Amino acid sequence: MPRYDYRCRACGDTFEVSRPMREAAEPAACPQGHDDTVKLLSTVAVTGRGGATPARPAGGGGGCCGGGCGC
């Protein structure tokens, strides 16, 4: 279930709420009971699993102009 970050405008507390995506736009009361909250924009890091494709070396990419043929 996704977690959403909120900040209370009354007390300044920042907190998370776990809820279904269909309820993402619903207001959330802070743990102190205040109703004046705002949903924060959060970033998500997406990482892959498994083997990564190795980076290509800079320069010397092969072929005649890659420095291997002496032209």
PDB file of N, CA and C in Angstrom:
ATOM      1  N   MET A   1       0.843  -1.166   0.000  1.00  0.00           N
ATOM      2  CA  MET A   1       0.000   0.000   0.000  1.00  0.00           C
ATOM      3  C   MET A   1       0.899   1.243   0.000  1.00  0.00           C
ATOM      4  N   PRO A   2       0.608   2.223  -0.834  1.00  0.00           N
ATOM      5  CA  PRO A   2       1.451   3.426  -0.899  1.00  0.00           C
ATOM      6  C   PRO A   2       1.383   4.248   0.379  1.00  0.00           C
ATOM      7  N   ARG A   3       2.487   4.931   0.648  1.00  0.00           N
ATOM      8  CA  ARG A   3       2.550   5.851   1.788  1.00  0.00           C
ATOM      9  C   ARG A   3       2.630   7.266   1.243  1.00  0.00           C
ATOM     10  N   TYR A   4       1.902   8.156   1.868  1.00  0.00           N
ATOM     11  CA  TYR A   4       1.878   9.560   1.463  1.00  0.00           C
ATOM     12  C   TYR A   4       2.350  10.414   2.628  1.00  0.00           C
ATOM     13  N   ASP A   5       3.155  11.428   2.320  1.00  0.00           N
ATOM     14  CA  ASP A   5       3.680  12.341   3.330  1.00  0.00           C
ATOM     15  C   ASP A   5       2.802  13.586   3.397  1.00  0.00           C
ATOM     16  N   TYR A   6       2.540  14.028   4.622  1.00  0.00           N
ATOM     17  CA  TYR A   6       1.734  15.221   4.867  1.00  0.00           C
ATOM     18  C   TYR A   6       2.458  16.111   5.861  1.00  0.00           C
ATOM     19  N   ARG A   7       2.118  17.406   5.834  1.00  0.00           N
ATOM     20  CA  ARG A   7       2.622  18.351   6.830  1.00  0.00           C
ATOM     21  C   ARG A   7       1.435  19.116   7.383  1.00  0.00           C
ATOM     22  N   CYS A   8       1.411  19.257   8.688  1.00  0.00           N
ATOM     23  CA  CYS A   8       0.343  19.981   9.370  1.00  0.00           C
ATOM     24  C   CYS A   8       0.685  21.464   9.357  1.00  0.00           C
ATOM     25  N   ARG A   9      -0.239  22.276   8.892  1.00  0.00           N
ATOM     26  CA  ARG A   9      -0.012  23.725   8.869  1.00  0.00           C
ATOM     27  C   ARG A   9      -0.149  24.337  10.259  1.00  0.00           C
ATOM     28  N   ALA A  10      -0.890  23.689  11.131  1.00  0.00           N
ATOM     29  CA  ALA A  10      -1.105  24.226  12.478  1.00  0.00           C
ATOM     30  C   ALA A  10       0.117  24.030  13.382  1.00  0.00           C
ATOM     31  N   CYS A  11       0.681  22.816  13.416  1.00  0.00           N
ATOM     32  CA  CYS A  11       1.789  22.537  14.339  1.00  0.00           C
ATOM     33  C   CYS A  11       3.125  22.274  13.638  1.00  0.00           C
ATOM     34  N   GLY A  12       3.127  22.124  12.305  1.00  0.00           N
ATOM     35  CA  GLY A  12       4.367  21.908  11.567  1.00  0.00           C
ATOM     36  C   GLY A  12       4.847  20.468  11.542  1.00  0.00           C
ATOM     37  N   ASP A  13       4.098  19.554  12.144  1.00  0.00           N
ATOM     38  CA  ASP A  13       4.477  18.144  12.180  1.00  0.00           C
ATOM     39  C   ASP A  13       4.414  17.547  10.770  1.00  0.00           C
ATOM     40  N   THR A  14       5.374  16.706  10.429  1.00  0.00           N
ATOM     41  CA  THR A  14       5.371  15.965   9.172  1.00  0.00           C
ATOM     42  C   THR A  14       5.108  14.504   9.510  1.00  0.00           C
ATOM     43  N   PHE A  15       4.198  13.869   8.756  1.00  0.00           N
ATOM     44  CA  PHE A  15       3.810  12.495   9.057  1.00  0.00           C
ATOM     45  C   PHE A  15       3.435  11.757   7.792  1.00  0.00           C
ATOM     46  N   GLU A  16       3.359  10.424   7.887  1.00  0.00           N
ATOM     47  CA  GLU A  16       3.006   9.562   6.751  1.00  0.00           C
ATOM     48  C   GLU A  16       1.657   8.914   7.007  1.00  0.00           C
ATOM     49  N   VAL A  17       0.952   8.649   5.902  1.00  0.00           N
ATOM     50  CA  VAL A  17      -0.302   7.909   5.968  1.00  0.00           C
ATOM     51  C   VAL A  17      -0.246   6.835   4.894  1.00  0.00           C
ATOM     52  N   SER A  18      -0.493   5.581   5.271  1.00  0.00           N
ATOM     53  CA  SER A  18      -0.588   4.481   4.302  1.00  0.00           C
ATOM     54  C   SER A  18      -2.052   4.324   3.941  1.00  0.00           C
ATOM     55  N   ARG A  19      -2.324   4.406   2.645  1.00  0.00           N
ATOM     56  CA  ARG A  19      -3.704   4.282   2.172  1.00  0.00           C
ATOM     57  C   ARG A  19      -3.719   3.865   0.715  1.00  0.00           C
ATOM     58  N   PRO A  20      -4.823   3.303   0.259  1.00  0.00           N
ATOM     59  CA  PRO A  20      -4.926   2.912  -1.148  1.00  0.00           C
ATOM     60  C   PRO A  20      -4.830   4.136  -2.065  1.00  0.00           C
ATOM     61  N   MET A  21      -4.384   3.934  -3.287  1.00  0.00           N
ATOM     62  CA  MET A  21      -4.240   5.031  -4.244  1.00  0.00           C
ATOM     63  C   MET A  21      -5.565   5.742  -4.486  1.00  0.00           C
ATOM     64  N   ARG A  22      -6.660   5.015  -4.438  1.00  0.00           N
ATOM     65  CA  ARG A  22      -7.963   5.644  -4.692  1.00  0.00           C
ATOM     66  C   ARG A  22      -8.314   6.673  -3.620  1.00  0.00           C
ATOM     67  N   GLU A  23      -7.636   6.622  -2.461  1.00  0.00           N
ATOM     68  CA  GLU A  23      -7.873   7.573  -1.378  1.00  0.00           C
ATOM     69  C   GLU A  23      -6.755   8.610  -1.260  1.00  0.00           C
ATOM     70  N   ALA A  24      -5.883   8.686  -2.264  1.00  0.00           N
ATOM     71  CA  ALA A  24      -4.716   9.573  -2.200  1.00  0.00           C
ATOM     72  C   ALA A  24      -5.101  11.048  -2.059  1.00  0.00           C
ATOM     73  N   ALA A  25      -6.206  11.464  -2.642  1.00  0.00           N
ATOM     74  CA  ALA A  25      -6.605  12.872  -2.604  1.00  0.00           C
ATOM     75  C   ALA A  25      -7.411  13.228  -1.359  1.00  0.00           C
ATOM     76  N   GLU A  26      -7.750  12.244  -0.542  1.00  0.00           N
ATOM     77  CA  GLU A  26      -8.540  12.499   0.669  1.00  0.00           C
ATOM     78  C   GLU A  26      -7.708  13.277   1.687  1.00  0.00           C
ATOM     79  N   PRO A  27      -8.326  14.168   2.452  1.00  0.00           N
ATOM     80  CA  PRO A  27      -7.577  14.882   3.489  1.00  0.00           C
ATOM     81  C   PRO A  27      -7.138  13.932   4.607  1.00  0.00           C
ATOM     82  N   ALA A  28      -6.087  14.314   5.304  1.00  0.00           N
ATOM     83  CA  ALA A  28      -5.570  13.497   6.412  1.00  0.00           C
ATOM     84  C   ALA A  28      -5.345  14.399   7.616  1.00  0.00           C
ATOM     85  N   ALA A  29      -5.852  13.998   8.763  1.00  0.00           N
ATOM     86  CA  ALA A  29      -5.625  14.745  10.000  1.00  0.00           C
ATOM     87  C   ALA A  29      -4.251  14.374  10.558  1.00  0.00           C
ATOM     88  N   CYS A  30      -3.571  15.346  11.159  1.00  0.00           N
ATOM     89  CA  CYS A  30      -2.260  15.061  11.744  1.00  0.00           C
ATOM     90  C   CYS A  30      -2.442  14.260  13.034  1.00  0.00           C
ATOM     91  N   PRO A  31      -1.382  13.613  13.520  1.00  0.00           N
ATOM     92  CA  PRO A  31      -1.470  12.824  14.750  1.00  0.00           C
ATOM     93  C   PRO A  31      -1.894  13.654  15.973  1.00  0.00           C
ATOM     94  N   GLN A  32      -1.708  14.973  15.927  1.00  0.00           N
ATOM     95  CA  GLN A  32      -2.106  15.847  17.032  1.00  0.00           C
ATOM     96  C   GLN A  32      -3.584  16.242  16.948  1.00  0.00           C
ATOM     97  N   GLY A  33      -4.267  15.806  15.843  1.00  0.00           N
ATOM     98  CA  GLY A  33      -5.693  16.075  15.704  1.00  0.00           C
ATOM     99  C   GLY A  33      -6.062  17.282  14.857  1.00  0.00           C
ATOM    100  N   HIS A  34      -5.073  17.976  14.305  1.00  0.00           N
ATOM    101  CA  HIS A  34      -5.361  19.137  13.454  1.00  0.00           C
ATOM    102  C   HIS A  34      -5.809  18.668  12.067  1.00  0.00           C
ATOM    103  N   ASP A  35      -6.725  19.418  11.471  1.00  0.00           N
ATOM    104  CA  ASP A  35      -7.233  19.049  10.142  1.00  0.00           C
ATOM    105  C   ASP A  35      -6.597  19.836   9.005  1.00  0.00           C
ATOM    106  N   ASP A  36      -5.860  20.896   9.299  1.00  0.00           N
ATOM    107  CA  ASP A  36      -5.276  21.740   8.261  1.00  0.00           C
ATOM    108  C   ASP A  36      -3.927  21.169   7.833  1.00  0.00           C
ATOM    109  N   THR A  37      -3.960  20.188   6.928  1.00  0.00           N
ATOM    110  CA  THR A  37      -2.736  19.531   6.466  1.00  0.00           C
ATOM    111  C   THR A  37      -2.614  19.674   4.957  1.00  0.00           C
ATOM    112  N   VAL A  38      -1.407  19.482   4.482  1.00  0.00           N
ATOM    113  CA  VAL A  38      -1.123  19.531   3.053  1.00  0.00           C
ATOM    114  C   VAL A  38      -0.300  18.308   2.678  1.00  0.00           C
ATOM    115  N   LYS A  39      -0.636  17.685   1.547  1.00  0.00           N
ATOM    116  CA  LYS A  39       0.120  16.529   1.069  1.00  0.00           C
ATOM    117  C   LYS A  39       1.406  17.025   0.432  1.00  0.00           C
ATOM    118  N   LEU A  40       2.519  16.403   0.801  1.00  0.00           N
ATOM    119  CA  LEU A  40       3.825  16.798   0.290  1.00  0.00           C
ATOM    120  C   LEU A  40       4.170  16.026  -0.970  1.00  0.00           C
ATOM    121  N   LEU A  41       4.929  16.651  -1.823  1.00  0.00           N
ATOM    122  CA  LEU A  41       5.435  15.990  -3.011  1.00  0.00           C
ATOM    123  C   LEU A  41       6.646  15.176  -2.603  1.00  0.00           C
ATOM    124  N   SER A  42       6.612  13.894  -2.870  1.00  0.00           N
ATOM    125  CA  SER A  42       7.747  13.047  -2.511  1.00  0.00           C
ATOM    126  C   SER A  42       8.336  12.440  -3.770  1.00  0.00           C
ATOM    127  N   THR A  43       9.616  12.169  -3.706  1.00  0.00           N
ATOM    128  CA  THR A  43      10.296  11.562  -4.840  1.00  0.00           C
ATOM    129  C   THR A  43      10.455  10.074  -4.595  1.00  0.00           C
ATOM    130  N   VAL A  44      10.491   9.347  -5.665  1.00  0.00           N
ATOM    131  CA  VAL A  44      10.627   7.901  -5.585  1.00  0.00           C
ATOM    132  C   VAL A  44      11.853   7.499  -6.389  1.00  0.00           C
ATOM    133  N   ALA A  45      12.711   6.715  -5.791  1.00  0.00           N
ATOM    134  CA  ALA A  45      13.881   6.196  -6.485  1.00  0.00           C
ATOM    135  C   ALA A  45      13.536   4.806  -7.004  1.00  0.00           C
ATOM    136  N   VAL A  46      13.717   4.617  -8.291  1.00  0.00           N
ATOM    137  CA  VAL A  46      13.451   3.319  -8.888  1.00  0.00           C
ATOM    138  C   VAL A  46      14.785   2.697  -9.265  1.00  0.00           C
ATOM    139  N   THR A  47      15.037   1.529  -8.737  1.00  0.00           N
ATOM    140  CA  THR A  47      16.281   0.839  -9.058  1.00  0.00           C
ATOM    141  C   THR A  47      15.946  -0.513  -9.649  1.00  0.00           C
ATOM    142  N   GLY A  48      16.807  -0.968 -10.532  1.00  0.00           N
ATOM    143  CA  GLY A  48      16.593  -2.266 -11.145  1.00  0.00           C
ATOM    144  C   GLY A  48      17.306  -3.357 -10.375  1.00  0.00           C
ATOM    145  N   ARG A  49      16.927  -4.568 -10.644  1.00  0.00           N
ATOM    146  CA  ARG A  49      17.592  -5.717 -10.033  1.00  0.00           C
ATOM    147  C   ARG A  49      18.325  -6.460 -11.130  1.00  0.00           C
ATOM    148  N   GLY A  50      19.273  -7.237 -10.721  1.00  0.00           N
ATOM    149  CA  GLY A  50      19.985  -8.049 -11.696  1.00  0.00           C
ATOM    150  C   GLY A  50      21.205  -7.332 -12.226  1.00  0.00           C
ATOM    151  N   GLY A  51      21.749  -7.887 -13.287  1.00  0.00           N
ATOM    152  CA  GLY A  51      22.976  -7.353 -13.857  1.00  0.00           C
ATOM    153  C   GLY A  51      22.746  -6.073 -14.620  1.00  0.00           C
ATOM    154  N   ALA A  52      23.646  -5.173 -14.430  1.00  0.00           N
ATOM    155  CA  ALA A  52      23.588  -3.916 -15.159  1.00  0.00           C
ATOM    156  C   ALA A  52      24.438  -4.031 -16.408  1.00  0.00           C
ATOM    157  N   THR A  53      24.079  -3.281 -17.423  1.00  0.00           N
ATOM    158  CA  THR A  53      24.872  -3.250 -18.639  1.00  0.00           C
ATOM    159  C   THR A  53      26.124  -2.453 -18.349  1.00  0.00           C
ATOM    160  N   PRO A  54      27.305  -3.015 -18.637  1.00  0.00           N
ATOM    161  CA  PRO A  54      28.533  -2.280 -18.346  1.00  0.00           C
ATOM    162  C   PRO A  54      28.636  -1.019 -19.198  1.00  0.00           C
ATOM    163  N   ALA A  55      29.221   0.015 -18.614  1.00  0.00           N
ATOM    164  CA  ALA A  55      29.401   1.270 -19.326  1.00  0.00           C
ATOM    165  C   ALA A  55      30.444   1.090 -20.423  1.00  0.00           C
ATOM    166  N   ARG A  56      30.252   1.812 -21.505  1.00  0.00           N
ATOM    167  CA  ARG A  56      31.228   1.777 -22.593  1.00  0.00           C
ATOM    168  C   ARG A  56      32.413   2.653 -22.229  1.00  0.00           C
ATOM    169  N   PRO A  57      33.614   2.227 -22.589  1.00  0.00           N
ATOM    170  CA  PRO A  57      34.774   3.059 -22.291  1.00  0.00           C
ATOM    171  C   PRO A  57      34.761   4.315 -23.136  1.00  0.00           C
ATOM    172  N   ALA A  58      35.274   5.431 -22.590  1.00  0.00           N
ATOM    173  CA  ALA A  58      35.352   6.684 -23.327  1.00  0.00           C
ATOM    174  C   ALA A  58      36.412   6.573 -24.395  1.00  0.00           C
ATOM    175  N   GLY A  59      36.077   7.005 -25.615  1.00  0.00           N
ATOM    176  CA  GLY A  59      37.022   6.965 -26.728  1.00  0.00           C
ATOM    177  C   GLY A  59      37.365   5.530 -27.114  1.00  0.00           C
ATOM    178  N   GLY A  60      38.136   5.340 -28.174  1.00  0.00           N
ATOM    179  CA  GLY A  60      38.600   4.015 -28.580  1.00  0.00           C
ATOM    180  C   GLY A  60      37.471   3.023 -28.760  1.00  0.00           C
ATOM    181  N   GLY A  61      36.391   3.455 -29.403  1.00  0.00           N
ATOM    182  CA  GLY A  61      35.231   2.609 -29.559  1.00  0.00           C
ATOM    183  C   GLY A  61      35.376   1.557 -30.637  1.00  0.00           C
ATOM    184  N   GLY A  62      36.546   1.401 -31.217  1.00  0.00           N
ATOM    185  CA  GLY A  62      36.729   0.388 -32.259  1.00  0.00           C
ATOM    186  C   GLY A  62      36.561   0.978 -33.642  1.00  0.00           C
ATOM    187  N   GLY A  63      36.695   0.147 -34.639  1.00  0.00           N
ATOM    188  CA  GLY A  63      36.615   0.632 -36.015  1.00  0.00           C
ATOM    189  C   GLY A  63      37.897   1.344 -36.411  1.00  0.00           C
ATOM    190  N   CYS A  64      37.971   1.747 -37.628  1.00  0.00           N
ATOM    191  CA  CYS A  64      39.189   2.366 -38.158  1.00  0.00           C
ATOM    192  C   CYS A  64      39.509   3.673 -37.455  1.00  0.00           C
ATOM    193  N   CYS A  65      38.530   4.471 -37.130  1.00  0.00           N
ATOM    194  CA  CYS A  65      38.793   5.777 -36.498  1.00  0.00           C
ATOM    195  C   CYS A  65      38.935   5.657 -34.992  1.00  0.00           C
ATOM    196  N   GLY A  66      38.838   4.459 -34.451  1.00  0.00           N
ATOM    197  CA  GLY A  66      38.983   4.265 -33.022  1.00  0.00           C
ATOM    198  C   GLY A  66      40.434   4.189 -32.585  1.00  0.00           C
ATOM    199  N   GLY A  67      41.387   4.329 -33.479  1.00  0.00           N
ATOM    200  CA  GLY A  67      42.795   4.354 -33.119  1.00  0.00           C
ATOM    201  C   GLY A  67      43.482   3.018 -33.270  1.00  0.00           C
ATOM    202  N   GLY A  68      42.769   1.976 -33.670  1.00  0.00           N
ATOM    203  CA  GLY A  68      43.382   0.661 -33.761  1.00  0.00           C
ATOM    204  C   GLY A  68      43.985   0.347 -35.125  1.00  0.00           C
ATOM    205  N   CYS A  69      43.739   1.165 -36.146  1.00  0.00           N
ATOM    206  CA  CYS A  69      44.212   0.799 -37.490  1.00  0.00           C
ATOM    207  C   CYS A  69      45.384   1.648 -37.966  1.00  0.00           C
ATOM    208  N   GLY A  70      45.728   2.705 -37.273  1.00  0.00           N
ATOM    209  CA  GLY A  70      46.882   3.511 -37.636  1.00  0.00           C
ATOM    210  C   GLY A  70      46.637   4.457 -38.798  1.00  0.00           C
ATOM    211  N   CYS A  71      45.413   4.880 -39.049  1.00  0.00           N
ATOM    212  CA  CYS A  71      45.167   5.795 -40.171  1.00  0.00           C
ATOM    213  C   CYS A  71      45.374   7.237 -39.834  1.00  0.00           C
TER     214      CYS A  71
END
